[in-house]
Amino acid sequence: MRTRSAMILLCILLVPAIVTAQGTKSGFFKTSDNIRIHYLEAGSGRPIVLIPGWTMPAWIWQKQIDEFSKKYHVVAVDPRSQGESDKPTFGHLPETRARDYKELVDHLNLKQPVLVGLSMACGELVKYAELFGTDNVGGFVLVDGLLSDKPNAEVSAMLSGWMNQLQQDRRKQTDSFVRNMFKKAQSEEYLKRLIDVSMQVPDDTAAVLTYNGLAITGLSNGLARINRPMLFAYGPFTQPSADYLKSKLGDKVRLERFDNDGHALFVDNPERFNSLLEEFVSSLPK
């Protein structure tokens, strides 16, 4: 039970050879610190930027890329050290990764993008707001992230043990992590592809990202700068995050709880998630 709880918790703090939809392009740009970042791009219209969680690739959002590129300009990014992006030994702080996303937005000249982040990317997007403001943001969609102003001693102890196991048997822990992201049946081929791409993140970087995901606290300054609508889609385990966001943002945040889906709820239940995202995006000012 304790091991499974650690798996779920890690997913929350952090979350094929690629067969892309017709019209999906694969691109790269270089950040201000000379790191090559990979992204997938499809469609036209209002931009939607999709950011995966811990060690996951851009294509985990494939069901959203396929659907929303029919009407919107969709960009899914491989964060630094993930997917096809460069894998440097530095620059894995939430602030640095937030800067990467801002530079991607600027590189593609995106106007009023809707920023969507899974798990660890939730805290990174709050840092984005803190560092860069929201003048050129249409809205925020946060997915099943653990958000708080204060570190949790129990969480810290649990993840400390998990990080040790990660370094002792990376393959075993990654296999468990990926499988625990879902409650609905996924094909073995799909799961193995996710495991393989997660394993491409260097071991030391995977551990650092785990720590940095845990270290994202003190979010009040970033949340105070958010003056755009927010949707928080989450599971039962992250109800405290939903309560926290509501206490900070009030009517600016819409809460949608997924009781019967896994951490990657947009994969488990794409119909509901896509419907909510479509409703949210279409409600935003042009």
C-alpha atoms as a PDB file:
ATOM      1  CA  MET A   1       0.000   0.000   0.000  1.00  0.00           C
ATOM      2  CA  ARG A   2       2.813   2.392   0.890  1.00  0.00           C
ATOM      3  CA  THR A   3       4.609   1.648  -2.391  1.00  0.00           C
ATOM      4  CA  ARG A   4       1.465   2.271  -4.460  1.00  0.00           C
ATOM      5  CA  SER A   5       0.869   5.546  -2.579  1.00  0.00           C
ATOM      6  CA  ALA A   6       4.401   6.604  -3.412  1.00  0.00           C
ATOM      7  CA  MET A   7       3.799   5.809  -7.086  1.00  0.00           C
ATOM      8  CA  ILE A   8       0.617   7.889  -7.160  1.00  0.00           C
ATOM      9  CA  LEU A   9       2.314  10.700  -5.296  1.00  0.00           C
ATOM     10  CA  LEU A  10       5.259  10.767  -7.672  1.00  0.00           C
ATOM     11  CA  CYS A  11       2.900  10.916 -10.633  1.00  0.00           C
ATOM     12  CA  ILE A  12       1.220  13.934  -9.074  1.00  0.00           C
ATOM     13  CA  LEU A  13       4.353  15.794  -8.230  1.00  0.00           C
ATOM     14  CA  LEU A  14       6.126  15.229 -11.465  1.00  0.00           C
ATOM     15  CA  VAL A  15       3.437  12.861 -14.162  1.00  0.00           C
ATOM     16  CA  PRO A  16       5.371   4.376 -30.491  1.00  0.00           C
ATOM     17  CA  ALA A  17       8.129   5.418 -32.540  1.00  0.00           C
ATOM     18  CA  ILE A  18       5.837   8.425 -32.845  1.00  0.00           C
ATOM     19  CA  VAL A  19       3.016   8.099 -35.333  1.00  0.00           C
ATOM     20  CA  THR A  20       1.622  11.612 -35.550  1.00  0.00           C
ATOM     21  CA  ALA A  21      -1.723  12.690 -36.861  1.00  0.00           C
ATOM     22  CA  GLN A  22      -1.889  13.867 -40.420  1.00  0.00           C
ATOM     23  CA  GLY A  23      -0.586  17.437 -40.586  1.00  0.00           C
ATOM     24  CA  THR A  24       1.414  17.234 -37.336  1.00  0.00           C
ATOM     25  CA  LYS A  25       4.882  18.754 -37.667  1.00  0.00           C
ATOM     26  CA  SER A  26       7.938  18.064 -35.543  1.00  0.00           C
ATOM     27  CA  GLY A  27      10.054  21.128 -34.742  1.00  0.00           C
ATOM     28  CA  PHE A  28      12.934  22.357 -32.596  1.00  0.00           C
ATOM     29  CA  PHE A  29      14.104  25.677 -31.204  1.00  0.00           C
ATOM     30  CA  LYS A  30      17.063  26.721 -29.051  1.00  0.00           C
ATOM     31  CA  THR A  31      16.589  28.320 -25.664  1.00  0.00           C
ATOM     32  CA  SER A  32      18.567  31.296 -24.383  1.00  0.00           C
ATOM     33  CA  ASP A  33      20.946  28.849 -22.650  1.00  0.00           C
ATOM     34  CA  ASN A  34      21.464  26.941 -25.917  1.00  0.00           C
ATOM     35  CA  ILE A  35      19.271  23.897 -25.225  1.00  0.00           C
ATOM     36  CA  ARG A  36      17.422  22.394 -28.175  1.00  0.00           C
ATOM     37  CA  ILE A  37      13.750  21.877 -27.306  1.00  0.00           C
ATOM     38  CA  HIS A  38      11.488  19.642 -29.385  1.00  0.00           C
ATOM     39  CA  TYR A  39       7.798  20.205 -29.968  1.00  0.00           C
ATOM     40  CA  LEU A  40       4.897  18.845 -32.023  1.00  0.00           C
ATOM     41  CA  GLU A  41       2.678  21.318 -33.851  1.00  0.00           C
ATOM     42  CA  ALA A  42      -0.625  20.926 -35.695  1.00  0.00           C
ATOM     43  CA  GLY A  43      -3.659  22.931 -36.771  1.00  0.00           C
ATOM     44  CA  SER A  44      -4.401  26.636 -36.832  1.00  0.00           C
ATOM     45  CA  GLY A  45      -6.410  29.096 -34.771  1.00  0.00           C
ATOM     46  CA  ARG A  46      -6.113  29.965 -31.114  1.00  0.00           C
ATOM     47  CA  PRO A  47      -2.959  28.348 -29.667  1.00  0.00           C
ATOM     48  CA  ILE A  48      -3.073  25.616 -27.039  1.00  0.00           C
ATOM     49  CA  VAL A  49       0.261  24.593 -25.484  1.00  0.00           C
ATOM     50  CA  LEU A  50       0.392  21.116 -23.909  1.00  0.00           C
ATOM     51  CA  ILE A  51       3.120  20.323 -21.346  1.00  0.00           C
ATOM     52  CA  PRO A  52       3.610  16.791 -19.944  1.00  0.00           C
ATOM     53  CA  GLY A  53       4.714  15.828 -16.454  1.00  0.00           C
ATOM     54  CA  TRP A  54       7.743  14.032 -15.016  1.00  0.00           C
ATOM     55  CA  THR A  55       9.824  12.276 -17.740  1.00  0.00           C
ATOM     56  CA  MET A  56       6.832  12.064 -20.097  1.00  0.00           C
ATOM     57  CA  PRO A  57       6.890  12.959 -23.820  1.00  0.00           C
ATOM     58  CA  ALA A  58       4.873  15.475 -25.810  1.00  0.00           C
ATOM     59  CA  TRP A  59       2.981  12.657 -27.533  1.00  0.00           C
ATOM     60  CA  ILE A  60       1.261  11.576 -24.323  1.00  0.00           C
ATOM     61  CA  TRP A  61      -1.201  14.327 -25.383  1.00  0.00           C
ATOM     62  CA  GLN A  62      -1.876  12.626 -28.748  1.00  0.00           C
ATOM     63  CA  LYS A  63      -5.633  12.343 -28.174  1.00  0.00           C
ATOM     64  CA  GLN A  64      -5.758  16.093 -27.549  1.00  0.00           C
ATOM     65  CA  ILE A  65      -3.494  16.892 -30.522  1.00  0.00           C
ATOM     66  CA  ASP A  66      -5.746  14.848 -32.808  1.00  0.00           C
ATOM     67  CA  GLU A  67      -8.948  16.457 -31.565  1.00  0.00           C
ATOM     68  CA  PHE A  68      -8.013  20.087 -31.026  1.00  0.00           C
ATOM     69  CA  SER A  69      -5.875  20.522 -34.145  1.00  0.00           C
ATOM     70  CA  LYS A  70      -9.138  20.353 -36.100  1.00  0.00           C
ATOM     71  CA  LYS A  71      -9.987  23.804 -34.776  1.00  0.00           C
ATOM     72  CA  TYR A  72      -6.974  25.208 -32.887  1.00  0.00           C
ATOM     73  CA  HIS A  73      -3.210  25.638 -33.218  1.00  0.00           C
ATOM     74  CA  VAL A  74      -1.894  22.911 -30.924  1.00  0.00           C
ATOM     75  CA  VAL A  75       1.702  22.764 -29.676  1.00  0.00           C
ATOM     76  CA  ALA A  76       2.893  19.895 -27.454  1.00  0.00           C
ATOM     77  CA  VAL A  77       6.369  20.276 -25.990  1.00  0.00           C
ATOM     78  CA  ASP A  78       9.048  17.870 -24.815  1.00  0.00           C
ATOM     79  CA  PRO A  79      10.433  19.717 -21.764  1.00  0.00           C
ATOM     80  CA  ARG A  80      14.214  19.833 -21.466  1.00  0.00           C
ATOM     81  CA  SER A  81      15.697  16.380 -20.859  1.00  0.00           C
ATOM     82  CA  GLN A  82      12.439  14.703 -21.937  1.00  0.00           C
ATOM     83  CA  GLY A  83      11.381  13.133 -25.209  1.00  0.00           C
ATOM     84  CA  GLU A  84      13.434  14.370 -28.152  1.00  0.00           C
ATOM     85  CA  SER A  85      14.714  17.518 -26.423  1.00  0.00           C
ATOM     86  CA  ASP A  86      18.351  17.923 -25.389  1.00  0.00           C
ATOM     87  CA  LYS A  87      19.339  16.294 -22.119  1.00  0.00           C
ATOM     88  CA  PRO A  88      21.696  18.701 -20.348  1.00  0.00           C
ATOM     89  CA  THR A  89      23.081  18.225 -16.862  1.00  0.00           C
ATOM     90  CA  PHE A  90      21.740  21.632 -15.764  1.00  0.00           C
ATOM     91  CA  GLY A  91      18.678  23.835 -15.901  1.00  0.00           C
ATOM     92  CA  HIS A  92      16.010  21.653 -14.320  1.00  0.00           C
ATOM     93  CA  LEU A  93      14.660  24.167 -11.835  1.00  0.00           C
ATOM     94  CA  PRO A  94      10.957  25.014 -12.209  1.00  0.00           C
ATOM     95  CA  GLU A  95      11.946  28.596 -13.014  1.00  0.00           C
ATOM     96  CA  THR A  96      14.223  27.490 -15.869  1.00  0.00           C
ATOM     97  CA  ARG A  97      11.635  25.172 -17.357  1.00  0.00           C
ATOM     98  CA  ALA A  98       9.026  27.942 -17.111  1.00  0.00           C
ATOM     99  CA  ARG A  99      11.425  30.162 -19.063  1.00  0.00           C
ATOM    100  CA  ASP A 100      11.724  27.443 -21.704  1.00  0.00           C
ATOM    101  CA  TYR A 101       7.945  27.508 -22.194  1.00  0.00           C
ATOM    102  CA  LYS A 102       7.908  31.294 -22.425  1.00  0.00           C
ATOM    103  CA  GLU A 103      10.667  31.200 -25.042  1.00  0.00           C
ATOM    104  CA  LEU A 104       8.695  28.589 -26.993  1.00  0.00           C
ATOM    105  CA  VAL A 105       5.652  30.880 -26.956  1.00  0.00           C
ATOM    106  CA  ASP A 106       7.812  33.764 -28.161  1.00  0.00           C
ATOM    107  CA  HIS A 107       9.602  31.631 -30.782  1.00  0.00           C
ATOM    108  CA  LEU A 108       6.298  30.582 -32.357  1.00  0.00           C
ATOM    109  CA  ASN A 109       4.793  34.064 -31.870  1.00  0.00           C
ATOM    110  CA  LEU A 110       1.767  32.611 -30.097  1.00  0.00           C
ATOM    111  CA  LYS A 111      -0.918  35.113 -29.134  1.00  0.00           C
ATOM    112  CA  GLN A 112      -2.959  34.530 -25.977  1.00  0.00           C
ATOM    113  CA  PRO A 113      -2.158  30.795 -25.742  1.00  0.00           C
ATOM    114  CA  VAL A 114      -4.000  28.493 -23.382  1.00  0.00           C
ATOM    115  CA  LEU A 115      -1.295  26.816 -21.280  1.00  0.00           C
ATOM    116  CA  VAL A 116      -2.060  23.223 -20.237  1.00  0.00           C
ATOM    117  CA  GLY A 117       0.221  21.401 -17.791  1.00  0.00           C
ATOM    118  CA  LEU A 118       0.197  17.933 -16.249  1.00  0.00           C
ATOM    119  CA  SER A 119       1.395  17.179 -12.740  1.00  0.00           C
ATOM    120  CA  MET A 120       4.845  18.706 -12.188  1.00  0.00           C
ATOM    121  CA  ALA A 121       4.098  21.193 -14.975  1.00  0.00           C
ATOM    122  CA  CYS A 122       1.301  22.683 -12.843  1.00  0.00           C
ATOM    123  CA  GLY A 123       3.818  24.268 -10.472  1.00  0.00           C
ATOM    124  CA  GLU A 124       5.977  25.271 -13.421  1.00  0.00           C
ATOM    125  CA  LEU A 125       3.061  27.164 -14.963  1.00  0.00           C
ATOM    126  CA  VAL A 126       2.433  29.003 -11.700  1.00  0.00           C
ATOM    127  CA  LYS A 127       6.124  29.971 -11.847  1.00  0.00           C
ATOM    128  CA  TYR A 128       5.526  31.093 -15.430  1.00  0.00           C
ATOM    129  CA  ALA A 129       2.874  33.517 -14.194  1.00  0.00           C
ATOM    130  CA  GLU A 130       5.126  34.735 -11.392  1.00  0.00           C
ATOM    131  CA  LEU A 131       8.084  35.391 -13.696  1.00  0.00           C
ATOM    132  CA  PHE A 132       6.380  36.620 -16.867  1.00  0.00           C
ATOM    133  CA  GLY A 133       2.888  37.704 -15.898  1.00  0.00           C
ATOM    134  CA  THR A 134      -0.225  36.818 -17.852  1.00  0.00           C
ATOM    135  CA  ASP A 135      -0.601  39.651 -20.377  1.00  0.00           C
ATOM    136  CA  ASN A 136      -0.016  37.135 -23.191  1.00  0.00           C
ATOM    137  CA  VAL A 137      -1.868  34.169 -21.671  1.00  0.00           C
ATOM    138  CA  GLY A 138      -5.445  33.294 -22.545  1.00  0.00           C
ATOM    139  CA  GLY A 139      -5.980  30.863 -19.688  1.00  0.00           C
ATOM    140  CA  PHE A 140      -4.449  28.080 -17.617  1.00  0.00           C
ATOM    141  CA  VAL A 141      -5.445  24.422 -17.437  1.00  0.00           C
ATOM    142  CA  LEU A 142      -3.741  22.486 -14.647  1.00  0.00           C
ATOM    143  CA  VAL A 143      -4.076  18.708 -14.524  1.00  0.00           C
ATOM    144  CA  ASP A 144      -3.752  16.728 -11.293  1.00  0.00           C
ATOM    145  CA  GLY A 145      -0.833  18.608  -9.762  1.00  0.00           C
ATOM    146  CA  LEU A 146       0.054  18.748  -6.082  1.00  0.00           C
ATOM    147  CA  LEU A 147       0.047  22.442  -5.178  1.00  0.00           C
ATOM    148  CA  SER A 148       0.695  23.941  -1.764  1.00  0.00           C
ATOM    149  CA  ASP A 149       2.412  26.811  -0.021  1.00  0.00           C
ATOM    150  CA  LYS A 150       4.120  24.569   2.517  1.00  0.00           C
ATOM    151  CA  PRO A 151       6.181  21.360   2.224  1.00  0.00           C
ATOM    152  CA  ASN A 152       4.540  18.234   3.611  1.00  0.00           C
ATOM    153  CA  ALA A 153       6.798  16.160   5.880  1.00  0.00           C
ATOM    154  CA  GLU A 154       5.045  12.871   5.069  1.00  0.00           C
ATOM    155  CA  VAL A 155       5.267  13.553   1.344  1.00  0.00           C
ATOM    156  CA  SER A 156       8.959  14.418   1.657  1.00  0.00           C
ATOM    157  CA  ALA A 157       9.736  11.212   3.528  1.00  0.00           C
ATOM    158  CA  MET A 158       7.803   9.061   1.070  1.00  0.00           C
ATOM    159  CA  LEU A 159       9.471  10.568  -1.965  1.00  0.00           C
ATOM    160  CA  SER A 160      12.901  10.374  -0.395  1.00  0.00           C
ATOM    161  CA  GLY A 161      12.479   6.616  -0.147  1.00  0.00           C
ATOM    162  CA  TRP A 162      11.146   6.441  -3.696  1.00  0.00           C
ATOM    163  CA  MET A 163      14.146   8.373  -5.027  1.00  0.00           C
ATOM    164  CA  ASN A 164      16.472   5.837  -3.436  1.00  0.00           C
ATOM    165  CA  GLN A 165      14.562   2.994  -5.100  1.00  0.00           C
ATOM    166  CA  LEU A 166      14.652   4.891  -8.393  1.00  0.00           C
ATOM    167  CA  GLN A 167      18.443   4.910  -8.334  1.00  0.00           C
ATOM    168  CA  GLN A 168      18.690   1.262  -7.254  1.00  0.00           C
ATOM    169  CA  ASP A 169      16.445  -0.146 -10.006  1.00  0.00           C
ATOM    170  CA  ARG A 170      15.397   2.537 -12.483  1.00  0.00           C
ATOM    171  CA  ARG A 171      13.638   0.173 -14.892  1.00  0.00           C
ATOM    172  CA  LYS A 172      11.488  -1.444 -12.205  1.00  0.00           C
ATOM    173  CA  GLN A 173      10.448   1.885 -10.692  1.00  0.00           C
ATOM    174  CA  THR A 174       9.718   3.440 -14.075  1.00  0.00           C
ATOM    175  CA  ASP A 175       7.590   0.474 -15.071  1.00  0.00           C
ATOM    176  CA  SER A 176       5.574   0.850 -11.880  1.00  0.00           C
ATOM    177  CA  PHE A 177       5.306   4.629 -12.246  1.00  0.00           C
ATOM    178  CA  VAL A 178       3.925   4.461 -15.791  1.00  0.00           C
ATOM    179  CA  ARG A 179       1.423   1.709 -15.053  1.00  0.00           C
ATOM    180  CA  ASN A 180       0.125   3.606 -12.024  1.00  0.00           C
ATOM    181  CA  MET A 181      -0.703   6.623 -14.193  1.00  0.00           C
ATOM    182  CA  PHE A 182      -3.790   4.848 -15.544  1.00  0.00           C
ATOM    183  CA  LYS A 183      -6.939   3.254 -14.186  1.00  0.00           C
ATOM    184  CA  LYS A 184      -8.304   2.325 -17.606  1.00  0.00           C
ATOM    185  CA  ALA A 185      -6.752  -0.457 -19.661  1.00  0.00           C
ATOM    186  CA  GLN A 186      -3.997   0.705 -22.027  1.00  0.00           C
ATOM    187  CA  SER A 187      -2.296  -1.518 -24.570  1.00  0.00           C
ATOM    188  CA  GLU A 188       0.950  -3.160 -23.513  1.00  0.00           C
ATOM    189  CA  GLU A 189       2.648  -1.625 -26.549  1.00  0.00           C
ATOM    190  CA  TYR A 190       1.592   1.869 -25.457  1.00  0.00           C
ATOM    191  CA  LEU A 191       2.756   1.323 -21.881  1.00  0.00           C
ATOM    192  CA  LYS A 192       6.129  -0.040 -23.008  1.00  0.00           C
ATOM    193  CA  ARG A 193       6.655   2.939 -25.293  1.00  0.00           C
ATOM    194  CA  LEU A 194       5.999   5.321 -22.395  1.00  0.00           C
ATOM    195  CA  ILE A 195       8.338   3.328 -20.165  1.00  0.00           C
ATOM    196  CA  ASP A 196      11.062   3.408 -22.807  1.00  0.00           C
ATOM    197  CA  VAL A 197      10.800   7.165 -23.372  1.00  0.00           C
ATOM    198  CA  SER A 198      10.775   7.806 -19.620  1.00  0.00           C
ATOM    199  CA  MET A 199      13.946   5.723 -19.306  1.00  0.00           C
ATOM    200  CA  GLN A 200      15.676   8.018 -21.818  1.00  0.00           C
ATOM    201  CA  VAL A 201      15.770  10.777 -19.188  1.00  0.00           C
ATOM    202  CA  PRO A 202      19.177  10.394 -17.483  1.00  0.00           C
ATOM    203  CA  ASP A 203      19.019   8.834 -14.014  1.00  0.00           C
ATOM    204  CA  ASP A 204      20.468  11.837 -12.193  1.00  0.00           C
ATOM    205  CA  THR A 205      18.109  14.193 -14.006  1.00  0.00           C
ATOM    206  CA  ALA A 206      15.097  12.030 -13.152  1.00  0.00           C
ATOM    207  CA  ALA A 207      16.058  12.236  -9.479  1.00  0.00           C
ATOM    208  CA  VAL A 208      16.639  16.000  -9.644  1.00  0.00           C
ATOM    209  CA  LEU A 209      13.262  16.522 -11.292  1.00  0.00           C
ATOM    210  CA  THR A 210      11.647  14.478  -8.537  1.00  0.00           C
ATOM    211  CA  TYR A 211      13.258  16.702  -5.923  1.00  0.00           C
ATOM    212  CA  ASN A 212      12.414  19.907  -7.773  1.00  0.00           C
ATOM    213  CA  GLY A 213       8.807  18.829  -8.159  1.00  0.00           C
ATOM    214  CA  LEU A 214       8.664  18.358  -4.400  1.00  0.00           C
ATOM    215  CA  ALA A 215      10.363  21.705  -3.849  1.00  0.00           C
ATOM    216  CA  ILE A 216       7.747  23.774  -5.707  1.00  0.00           C
ATOM    217  CA  THR A 217       6.118  25.545  -2.776  1.00  0.00           C
ATOM    218  CA  GLY A 218       5.495  29.183  -1.961  1.00  0.00           C
ATOM    219  CA  LEU A 219       3.149  29.585  -4.918  1.00  0.00           C
ATOM    220  CA  SER A 220       1.253  32.568  -3.545  1.00  0.00           C
ATOM    221  CA  ASN A 221       3.218  35.137  -5.562  1.00  0.00           C
ATOM    222  CA  GLY A 222       2.566  33.330  -8.820  1.00  0.00           C
ATOM    223  CA  LEU A 223      -1.105  32.750  -8.087  1.00  0.00           C
ATOM    224  CA  ALA A 224      -1.490  36.410  -7.128  1.00  0.00           C
ATOM    225  CA  ARG A 225      -0.350  37.369 -10.645  1.00  0.00           C
ATOM    226  CA  ILE A 226      -2.862  35.100 -12.363  1.00  0.00           C
ATOM    227  CA  ASN A 227      -5.721  37.251 -13.606  1.00  0.00           C
ATOM    228  CA  ARG A 228      -6.843  34.813 -16.278  1.00  0.00           C
ATOM    229  CA  PRO A 229      -9.373  31.966 -15.971  1.00  0.00           C
ATOM    230  CA  MET A 230      -8.097  28.605 -14.778  1.00  0.00           C
ATOM    231  CA  LEU A 231      -9.447  25.067 -15.074  1.00  0.00           C
ATOM    232  CA  PHE A 232      -8.148  22.457 -12.616  1.00  0.00           C
ATOM    233  CA  ALA A 233      -8.910  18.852 -13.606  1.00  0.00           C
ATOM    234  CA  TYR A 234      -7.942  16.421 -10.872  1.00  0.00           C
ATOM    235  CA  GLY A 235      -8.457  13.111  -9.114  1.00  0.00           C
ATOM    236  CA  PRO A 236      -9.449  12.406  -5.491  1.00  0.00           C
ATOM    237  CA  PHE A 237      -5.822  12.305  -4.281  1.00  0.00           C
ATOM    238  CA  THR A 238      -5.317  15.962  -5.225  1.00  0.00           C
ATOM    239  CA  GLN A 239      -8.449  17.319  -3.566  1.00  0.00           C
ATOM    240  CA  PRO A 240      -6.208  19.356  -1.205  1.00  0.00           C
ATOM    241  CA  SER A 241      -4.749  21.091  -4.264  1.00  0.00           C
ATOM    242  CA  ALA A 242      -8.240  21.917  -5.504  1.00  0.00           C
ATOM    243  CA  ASP A 243      -9.137  23.358  -2.096  1.00  0.00           C
ATOM    244  CA  TYR A 244      -5.912  25.372  -2.067  1.00  0.00           C
ATOM    245  CA  LEU A 245      -6.490  26.825  -5.526  1.00  0.00           C
ATOM    246  CA  LYS A 246     -10.068  27.731  -4.644  1.00  0.00           C
ATOM    247  CA  SER A 247      -8.903  29.529  -1.508  1.00  0.00           C
ATOM    248  CA  LYS A 248      -6.377  31.535  -3.543  1.00  0.00           C
ATOM    249  CA  LEU A 249      -8.237  32.181  -6.792  1.00  0.00           C
ATOM    250  CA  GLY A 250     -11.919  32.053  -5.899  1.00  0.00           C
ATOM    251  CA  ASP A 251     -14.147  32.347  -8.953  1.00  0.00           C
ATOM    252  CA  LYS A 252     -11.151  32.526 -11.308  1.00  0.00           C
ATOM    253  CA  VAL A 253     -10.680  28.750 -11.017  1.00  0.00           C
ATOM    254  CA  ARG A 254     -13.099  26.057 -12.171  1.00  0.00           C
ATOM    255  CA  LEU A 255     -12.707  22.681 -10.481  1.00  0.00           C
ATOM    256  CA  GLU A 256     -13.508  19.420 -12.267  1.00  0.00           C
ATOM    257  CA  ARG A 257     -12.932  16.181 -10.371  1.00  0.00           C
ATOM    258  CA  PHE A 258     -12.341  12.841 -12.157  1.00  0.00           C
ATOM    259  CA  ASP A 259     -13.193  10.142  -9.617  1.00  0.00           C
ATOM    260  CA  ASN A 260     -12.778   7.053 -11.787  1.00  0.00           C
ATOM    261  CA  ASP A 261      -9.721   7.910 -13.884  1.00  0.00           C
ATOM    262  CA  GLY A 262      -5.983   7.774 -13.314  1.00  0.00           C
ATOM    263  CA  HIS A 263      -3.391  10.486 -13.032  1.00  0.00           C
ATOM    264  CA  ALA A 264      -3.216  10.727 -16.841  1.00  0.00           C
ATOM    265  CA  LEU A 265      -6.952  11.397 -16.837  1.00  0.00           C
ATOM    266  CA  PHE A 266      -6.858  12.968 -20.304  1.00  0.00           C
ATOM    267  CA  VAL A 267      -5.723   9.569 -21.638  1.00  0.00           C
ATOM    268  CA  ASP A 268      -8.096   7.501 -19.497  1.00  0.00           C
ATOM    269  CA  ASN A 269     -11.102   9.719 -20.230  1.00  0.00           C
ATOM    270  CA  PRO A 270     -10.378  11.826 -23.319  1.00  0.00           C
ATOM    271  CA  GLU A 271     -14.035  12.359 -24.096  1.00  0.00           C
ATOM    272  CA  ARG A 272     -14.764  14.180 -20.850  1.00  0.00           C
ATOM    273  CA  PHE A 273     -11.429  15.971 -20.697  1.00  0.00           C
ATOM    274  CA  ASN A 274     -11.625  17.163 -24.295  1.00  0.00           C
ATOM    275  CA  SER A 275     -15.185  18.360 -23.797  1.00  0.00           C
ATOM    276  CA  LEU A 276     -14.155  20.365 -20.729  1.00  0.00           C
ATOM    277  CA  LEU A 277     -11.133  21.828 -22.488  1.00  0.00           C
ATOM    278  CA  GLU A 278     -13.204  22.780 -25.543  1.00  0.00           C
ATOM    279  CA  GLU A 279     -15.792  24.475 -23.338  1.00  0.00           C
ATOM    280  CA  PHE A 280     -13.067  26.301 -21.417  1.00  0.00           C
ATOM    281  CA  VAL A 281     -11.167  27.500 -24.498  1.00  0.00           C
ATOM    282  CA  SER A 282     -14.286  28.603 -26.342  1.00  0.00           C
ATOM    283  CA  SER A 283     -15.403  30.633 -23.320  1.00  0.00           C
ATOM    284  CA  LEU A 284     -12.234  32.762 -23.260  1.00  0.00           C
ATOM    285  CA  PRO A 285     -12.175  36.280 -24.716  1.00  0.00           C
ATOM    286  CA  LYS A 286     -10.820  36.406 -28.266  1.00  0.00           C
END
